[in-house]
Amino acid sequence: MSTATLERVPASFVSTKEPLSQTIDLEFSTAGAMHAGLEEAVAELIEVAAKDAACGILVTRLRPGRYTVALDESVPFGETYEAIAA
């Protein structure tokens, strides 16, 4: 049996004058859970990003099994980038 822990940082919805800020923190214990969880988190942020069309999505691997998925203004709208934290 596998388990996945999804930690979601509450999103504060901001006006269009302020930069977008939403991050989802994820932690997984299996590869299968990781793939499904990352896909779900990216899909959730695609909906948020589409409202303002101002940024893309950055998926960052913090350590094995630990990721953040975030709206990021350095990523062009409609794209998803991946990064590994140093």
N, C-alpha and C. Protein backbone atom coordinates (compact mmCIF):
# COMPACT_ATOMS: atom_id res chain seq x y z
N MET A 1 0.85 -1.17 0.00
CA MET A 1 0.00 0.00 0.00
C MET A 1 0.89 1.23 0.00
N SER A 2 0.49 2.25 -0.74
CA SER A 2 1.27 3.48 -0.80
C SER A 2 0.45 4.64 -0.25
N THR A 3 1.15 5.64 0.20
CA THR A 3 0.48 6.84 0.69
C THR A 3 1.10 8.06 0.06
N ALA A 4 0.31 9.09 -0.08
CA ALA A 4 0.80 10.38 -0.57
C ALA A 4 0.25 11.45 0.34
N THR A 5 1.09 12.38 0.66
CA THR A 5 0.66 13.51 1.49
C THR A 5 0.64 14.75 0.63
N LEU A 6 -0.49 15.39 0.53
CA LEU A 6 -0.62 16.61 -0.25
C LEU A 6 -0.80 17.77 0.72
N GLU A 7 0.17 18.64 0.76
CA GLU A 7 0.06 19.83 1.59
C GLU A 7 -0.27 20.99 0.67
N ARG A 8 -1.38 21.61 0.89
CA ARG A 8 -1.77 22.73 0.05
C ARG A 8 -1.69 24.01 0.86
N VAL A 9 -0.91 24.93 0.37
CA VAL A 9 -0.81 26.22 1.01
C VAL A 9 -2.03 27.02 0.59
N PRO A 10 -2.79 27.57 1.53
CA PRO A 10 -3.98 28.32 1.15
C PRO A 10 -3.64 29.45 0.19
N ALA A 11 -4.42 29.57 -0.84
CA ALA A 11 -4.19 30.61 -1.83
C ALA A 11 -4.94 31.87 -1.44
N SER A 12 -4.27 32.97 -1.54
CA SER A 12 -4.96 34.24 -1.33
C SER A 12 -5.22 34.82 -2.70
N PHE A 13 -6.45 35.06 -3.01
CA PHE A 13 -6.78 35.60 -4.30
C PHE A 13 -6.53 37.10 -4.27
N VAL A 14 -5.80 37.56 -5.27
CA VAL A 14 -5.38 38.96 -5.31
C VAL A 14 -5.98 39.64 -6.52
N SER A 15 -5.96 40.95 -6.48
CA SER A 15 -6.47 41.71 -7.63
C SER A 15 -5.49 41.58 -8.79
N THR A 16 -5.92 41.96 -9.99
CA THR A 16 -5.06 41.84 -11.15
C THR A 16 -3.92 42.85 -11.11
N LYS A 17 -3.95 43.83 -10.22
CA LYS A 17 -2.87 44.80 -10.10
C LYS A 17 -1.68 44.22 -9.35
N GLU A 18 -1.90 43.20 -8.54
CA GLU A 18 -0.84 42.58 -7.76
C GLU A 18 -0.35 41.33 -8.49
N PRO A 19 0.91 40.93 -8.26
CA PRO A 19 1.39 39.71 -8.90
C PRO A 19 0.63 38.48 -8.41
N LEU A 20 0.47 37.50 -9.28
CA LEU A 20 -0.18 36.26 -8.90
C LEU A 20 0.69 35.50 -7.92
N SER A 21 0.08 34.88 -6.95
CA SER A 21 0.86 34.13 -5.96
C SER A 21 0.05 32.92 -5.52
N GLN A 22 0.44 31.76 -6.00
CA GLN A 22 -0.18 30.54 -5.53
C GLN A 22 0.82 29.41 -5.68
N THR A 23 0.99 28.67 -4.60
CA THR A 23 1.93 27.55 -4.57
C THR A 23 1.25 26.35 -3.93
N ILE A 24 1.50 25.18 -4.50
CA ILE A 24 1.02 23.93 -3.91
C ILE A 24 2.24 23.12 -3.54
N ASP A 25 2.36 22.76 -2.26
CA ASP A 25 3.46 21.92 -1.78
C ASP A 25 3.00 20.47 -1.76
N LEU A 26 3.85 19.57 -2.26
CA LEU A 26 3.48 18.16 -2.37
C LEU A 26 4.59 17.28 -1.83
N GLU A 27 4.20 16.17 -1.19
CA GLU A 27 5.17 15.18 -0.74
C GLU A 27 4.61 13.80 -1.05
N PHE A 28 5.44 12.93 -1.63
CA PHE A 28 5.00 11.62 -2.06
C PHE A 28 5.92 10.53 -1.54
N SER A 29 5.36 9.32 -1.39
CA SER A 29 6.17 8.18 -0.97
C SER A 29 6.36 7.16 -2.08
N THR A 30 5.60 7.30 -3.19
CA THR A 30 5.76 6.38 -4.32
C THR A 30 5.77 7.16 -5.63
N ALA A 31 6.39 6.55 -6.64
CA ALA A 31 6.46 7.21 -7.95
C ALA A 31 5.07 7.35 -8.58
N GLY A 32 4.23 6.33 -8.43
CA GLY A 32 2.88 6.40 -8.99
C GLY A 32 2.08 7.55 -8.40
N ALA A 33 2.17 7.70 -7.08
CA ALA A 33 1.46 8.79 -6.43
C ALA A 33 2.02 10.14 -6.87
N MET A 34 3.34 10.18 -7.07
CA MET A 34 3.98 11.43 -7.50
C MET A 34 3.45 11.88 -8.85
N HIS A 35 3.41 10.98 -9.82
CA HIS A 35 2.95 11.35 -11.15
C HIS A 35 1.50 11.84 -11.13
N ALA A 36 0.65 11.12 -10.45
CA ALA A 36 -0.76 11.52 -10.37
C ALA A 36 -0.92 12.84 -9.63
N GLY A 37 -0.20 13.01 -8.53
CA GLY A 37 -0.31 14.23 -7.73
C GLY A 37 0.20 15.45 -8.45
N LEU A 38 1.33 15.32 -9.17
CA LEU A 38 1.85 16.45 -9.92
C LEU A 38 0.91 16.84 -11.06
N GLU A 39 0.36 15.85 -11.75
CA GLU A 39 -0.59 16.15 -12.82
C GLU A 39 -1.82 16.89 -12.28
N GLU A 40 -2.32 16.46 -11.14
CA GLU A 40 -3.48 17.10 -10.54
C GLU A 40 -3.17 18.55 -10.14
N ALA A 41 -2.00 18.76 -9.54
CA ALA A 41 -1.62 20.10 -9.10
C ALA A 41 -1.43 21.04 -10.29
N VAL A 42 -0.78 20.56 -11.35
CA VAL A 42 -0.59 21.38 -12.55
C VAL A 42 -1.94 21.72 -13.17
N ALA A 43 -2.84 20.75 -13.26
CA ALA A 43 -4.17 21.00 -13.82
C ALA A 43 -4.91 22.06 -13.01
N GLU A 44 -4.78 22.01 -11.69
CA GLU A 44 -5.44 22.99 -10.83
C GLU A 44 -4.91 24.39 -11.09
N LEU A 45 -3.59 24.52 -11.23
CA LEU A 45 -3.00 25.84 -11.46
C LEU A 45 -3.20 26.34 -12.89
N ILE A 46 -3.39 25.43 -13.84
CA ILE A 46 -3.71 25.86 -15.20
C ILE A 46 -5.01 26.65 -15.19
N GLU A 47 -5.99 26.18 -14.44
CA GLU A 47 -7.26 26.89 -14.36
C GLU A 47 -7.08 28.29 -13.77
N VAL A 48 -6.25 28.39 -12.74
CA VAL A 48 -6.00 29.70 -12.11
C VAL A 48 -5.24 30.61 -13.07
N ALA A 49 -4.20 30.08 -13.72
CA ALA A 49 -3.39 30.89 -14.63
C ALA A 49 -4.19 31.37 -15.83
N ALA A 50 -5.15 30.57 -16.28
CA ALA A 50 -5.94 30.94 -17.46
C ALA A 50 -6.83 32.15 -17.22
N LYS A 51 -7.16 32.43 -15.98
CA LYS A 51 -8.03 33.57 -15.68
C LYS A 51 -7.39 34.90 -16.03
N ASP A 52 -6.08 35.04 -15.78
CA ASP A 52 -5.40 36.31 -16.06
C ASP A 52 -4.43 36.23 -17.23
N ALA A 53 -4.07 35.04 -17.65
CA ALA A 53 -3.12 34.83 -18.75
C ALA A 53 -1.85 35.65 -18.54
N ALA A 54 -1.34 35.67 -17.30
CA ALA A 54 -0.19 36.49 -16.97
C ALA A 54 1.07 35.69 -16.67
N CYS A 55 0.94 34.38 -16.46
CA CYS A 55 2.12 33.62 -16.10
C CYS A 55 1.92 32.14 -16.40
N GLY A 56 3.02 31.40 -16.28
CA GLY A 56 2.99 29.96 -16.46
C GLY A 56 3.18 29.26 -15.14
N ILE A 57 3.57 28.00 -15.21
CA ILE A 57 3.67 27.17 -14.02
C ILE A 57 5.09 26.62 -13.90
N LEU A 58 5.63 26.65 -12.68
CA LEU A 58 6.95 26.11 -12.39
C LEU A 58 6.81 24.96 -11.40
N VAL A 59 7.31 23.78 -11.80
CA VAL A 59 7.33 22.60 -10.93
C VAL A 59 8.78 22.44 -10.44
N THR A 60 8.97 22.49 -9.13
CA THR A 60 10.32 22.42 -8.57
C THR A 60 10.46 21.19 -7.68
N ARG A 61 11.50 20.39 -7.94
CA ARG A 61 11.81 19.24 -7.09
C ARG A 61 12.73 19.75 -5.98
N LEU A 62 12.25 19.69 -4.75
CA LEU A 62 13.03 20.18 -3.61
C LEU A 62 13.99 19.11 -3.09
N ARG A 63 13.51 17.88 -3.06
CA ARG A 63 14.29 16.71 -2.67
C ARG A 63 13.48 15.50 -3.13
N PRO A 64 14.02 14.30 -3.06
CA PRO A 64 13.24 13.14 -3.51
C PRO A 64 11.88 13.07 -2.81
N GLY A 65 10.83 13.05 -3.61
CA GLY A 65 9.48 12.94 -3.08
C GLY A 65 8.85 14.25 -2.66
N ARG A 66 9.58 15.35 -2.71
CA ARG A 66 9.05 16.65 -2.25
C ARG A 66 9.12 17.66 -3.40
N TYR A 67 7.96 18.27 -3.73
CA TYR A 67 7.84 19.19 -4.86
C TYR A 67 7.01 20.41 -4.50
N THR A 68 7.21 21.49 -5.26
CA THR A 68 6.28 22.61 -5.24
C THR A 68 5.82 22.84 -6.68
N VAL A 69 4.57 23.21 -6.81
CA VAL A 69 4.00 23.57 -8.10
C VAL A 69 3.45 24.98 -7.89
N ALA A 70 3.93 25.94 -8.70
CA ALA A 70 3.59 27.33 -8.43
C ALA A 70 3.36 28.12 -9.71
N LEU A 71 2.49 29.13 -9.60
CA LEU A 71 2.38 30.12 -10.66
C LEU A 71 3.67 30.93 -10.60
N ASP A 72 4.25 31.22 -11.77
CA ASP A 72 5.52 31.93 -11.80
C ASP A 72 5.54 32.89 -12.99
N GLU A 73 5.73 34.16 -12.71
CA GLU A 73 5.71 35.17 -13.77
C GLU A 73 6.91 35.09 -14.70
N SER A 74 7.98 34.36 -14.30
CA SER A 74 9.12 34.21 -15.19
C SER A 74 8.87 33.11 -16.24
N VAL A 75 7.80 32.36 -16.08
CA VAL A 75 7.42 31.32 -17.04
C VAL A 75 6.34 31.89 -17.94
N PRO A 76 6.51 31.81 -19.26
CA PRO A 76 5.50 32.36 -20.17
C PRO A 76 4.15 31.67 -20.01
N PHE A 77 3.09 32.44 -20.19
CA PHE A 77 1.74 31.90 -20.10
C PHE A 77 1.60 30.73 -21.07
N GLY A 78 0.95 29.67 -20.61
CA GLY A 78 0.71 28.50 -21.44
C GLY A 78 1.82 27.46 -21.38
N GLU A 79 2.88 27.74 -20.60
CA GLU A 79 3.98 26.80 -20.50
C GLU A 79 4.18 26.35 -19.06
N THR A 80 4.76 25.16 -18.91
CA THR A 80 5.11 24.61 -17.60
C THR A 80 6.58 24.26 -17.65
N TYR A 81 7.36 24.83 -16.72
CA TYR A 81 8.79 24.54 -16.62
C TYR A 81 9.05 23.66 -15.41
N GLU A 82 10.15 22.92 -15.47
CA GLU A 82 10.57 22.09 -14.36
C GLU A 82 11.92 22.57 -13.87
N ALA A 83 12.16 22.48 -12.57
CA ALA A 83 13.45 22.88 -11.98
C ALA A 83 13.78 21.94 -10.83
N ILE A 84 15.06 21.87 -10.52
CA ILE A 84 15.52 21.11 -9.37
C ILE A 84 16.21 22.11 -8.44
N ALA A 85 15.74 22.18 -7.19
CA ALA A 85 16.33 23.10 -6.22
C ALA A 85 17.73 22.62 -5.88
N ALA A 86 18.64 23.55 -5.76
CA ALA A 86 20.04 23.20 -5.45
C ALA A 86 20.21 22.90 -3.98
